[in-house]
Protein backbone atom coordinates (compact mmCIF):
# COMPACT_ATOMS: atom_id res chain seq x y z
CA UNK A 1 -13.66 -11.93 -24.32
CA UNK A 2 -11.20 -10.22 -21.93
CA UNK A 3 -11.22 -13.21 -19.55
CA UNK A 4 -10.44 -15.53 -22.50
CA UNK A 5 -7.43 -13.41 -23.46
CA UNK A 6 -6.26 -13.33 -19.83
CA UNK A 7 -6.65 -17.13 -19.59
CA UNK A 8 -4.62 -17.65 -22.78
CA UNK A 9 -1.90 -15.29 -21.55
CA UNK A 10 -1.71 -17.11 -18.22
CA UNK A 11 -1.49 -20.46 -20.08
CA UNK A 12 1.41 -19.19 -22.25
CA UNK A 13 3.27 -17.82 -19.23
CA UNK A 14 2.70 -21.06 -17.30
CA UNK A 15 4.25 -23.02 -20.19
CA UNK A 16 7.11 -20.52 -20.55
CA UNK A 17 7.94 -20.79 -16.83
CA UNK A 18 7.67 -24.60 -16.93
CA UNK A 19 4.78 -24.76 -14.41
CA UNK A 20 6.73 -22.79 -11.81
CA UNK A 21 6.29 -19.45 -10.11
CA UNK A 22 8.81 -17.02 -11.60
CA UNK A 23 9.64 -15.62 -8.15
CA UNK A 24 9.85 -18.57 -5.75
CA UNK A 25 10.28 -21.42 -8.27
CA UNK A 26 7.50 -23.50 -6.64
CA UNK A 27 5.43 -25.74 -8.87
CA UNK A 28 2.13 -23.91 -9.38
CA UNK A 29 -1.09 -25.13 -10.97
CA UNK A 30 -1.98 -22.93 -13.94
CA UNK A 31 -5.48 -22.31 -12.57
CA UNK A 32 -4.08 -21.14 -9.22
CA UNK A 33 -1.35 -18.92 -10.63
CA UNK A 34 -1.59 -15.30 -11.67
CA UNK A 35 -0.15 -12.90 -14.21
CA UNK A 36 2.29 -10.58 -12.47
CA UNK A 37 3.87 -7.44 -13.92
CA UNK A 38 7.63 -7.19 -13.31
CA UNK A 39 7.37 -3.40 -13.48
CA UNK A 40 3.94 -2.75 -11.94
CA UNK A 41 1.35 -1.08 -14.14
CA UNK A 42 1.06 1.59 -11.44
CA UNK A 43 4.67 2.53 -12.25
CA UNK A 44 4.15 2.58 -16.00
CA UNK A 45 4.90 -1.07 -16.74
CA UNK A 46 3.02 -2.36 -19.75
CA UNK A 47 1.02 -5.53 -20.21
CA UNK A 48 3.60 -6.85 -22.68
CA UNK A 49 5.43 -10.17 -22.96
CA UNK A 50 8.74 -9.03 -21.49
CA UNK A 51 7.01 -7.42 -18.47
CA UNK A 52 4.66 -10.22 -17.38
CA UNK A 53 5.49 -13.45 -15.58
CA UNK A 54 3.57 -16.41 -14.16
CA UNK A 55 3.39 -16.10 -10.37
CA UNK A 56 1.86 -18.00 -7.49
CA UNK A 57 -0.80 -16.11 -5.54
CA UNK A 58 1.45 -15.72 -2.48
CA UNK A 59 4.34 -14.12 -4.36
CA UNK A 60 2.07 -11.86 -6.40
CA UNK A 61 0.35 -10.64 -3.23
CA UNK A 62 3.66 -10.11 -1.38
CA UNK A 63 5.32 -8.26 -4.27
CA UNK A 64 2.24 -6.09 -4.79
CA UNK A 65 3.17 -2.83 -6.56
CA UNK A 66 6.90 -2.96 -5.89
CA UNK A 67 9.81 -3.31 -8.27
CA UNK A 68 11.56 -6.68 -7.89
CA UNK A 69 14.75 -4.99 -6.77
CA UNK A 70 12.97 -3.48 -3.76
CA UNK A 71 11.12 -6.66 -2.84
CA UNK A 72 13.27 -8.21 -0.10
CA UNK A 73 11.62 -11.63 -0.33
CA UNK A 74 12.77 -11.91 -3.94
CA UNK A 75 16.44 -11.33 -3.19
CA UNK A 76 16.72 -13.87 -0.36
CA UNK A 77 16.19 -17.08 -2.38
CA UNK A 78 18.51 -15.91 -5.17
CA UNK A 79 21.43 -15.51 -2.82
CA UNK A 80 20.83 -18.76 -0.94
CA UNK A 81 20.04 -21.12 -3.85
CA UNK A 82 22.37 -19.72 -6.51
CA UNK A 83 20.56 -21.67 -9.19
CA UNK A 84 21.07 -21.08 -12.88
CA UNK A 85 17.38 -20.27 -13.24
CA UNK A 86 17.66 -17.54 -10.61
CA UNK A 87 20.74 -16.07 -12.29
CA UNK A 88 18.87 -15.91 -15.59
CA UNK A 89 15.93 -14.25 -13.88
CA UNK A 90 18.12 -11.73 -12.09
CA UNK A 91 19.79 -10.77 -15.35
CA UNK A 92 16.41 -10.42 -17.08
CA UNK A 93 15.09 -8.26 -14.27
CA UNK A 94 18.20 -6.08 -14.29
CA UNK A 95 17.66 -5.48 -18.00
CA UNK A 96 13.98 -4.64 -17.51
CA UNK A 97 14.74 -2.38 -14.53
CA UNK A 98 17.56 -0.56 -16.33
CA UNK A 99 15.32 -0.02 -19.37
CA UNK A 100 12.66 1.40 -17.04
CA UNK A 101 15.17 3.77 -15.45
CA UNK A 102 16.56 4.89 -18.82
CA UNK A 103 13.06 5.52 -20.21
CA UNK A 104 12.10 7.64 -17.21
CA UNK A 105 15.43 9.53 -17.23
CA UNK A 106 14.95 10.31 -20.91
CA UNK A 107 11.35 11.43 -20.34
CA UNK A 108 12.39 13.68 -17.45
CA UNK A 109 15.58 15.17 -18.92
CA UNK A 110 15.19 14.76 -22.66
CA UNK A 111 18.30 12.65 -23.15
CA UNK A 112 19.83 9.33 -22.22
CA UNK A 113 22.70 8.77 -19.83
């Protein structure tokens, strides 16, 4: 049952990302791609729609348990290509990362900034 759910999630993400890896934008076969967590589960990121992306095996392995902002390989193609897709992704990741920071600040200090 769990593998069926994972397969359906990967299929939906593959369609959402238009058959491309979210990180490097390479065309990726849906059977060879993976589900990657923008905020890693090890850092409290949930397995929810706005925190998972379709990723090629290479990018998922390289990113590992890092936040996108600290993953140097992610920043390089954004700066050099300057594509609309990358701008959209950067904005989405900034929103997710800022939400993560605000949630942890609130948990630690009992209030928001």
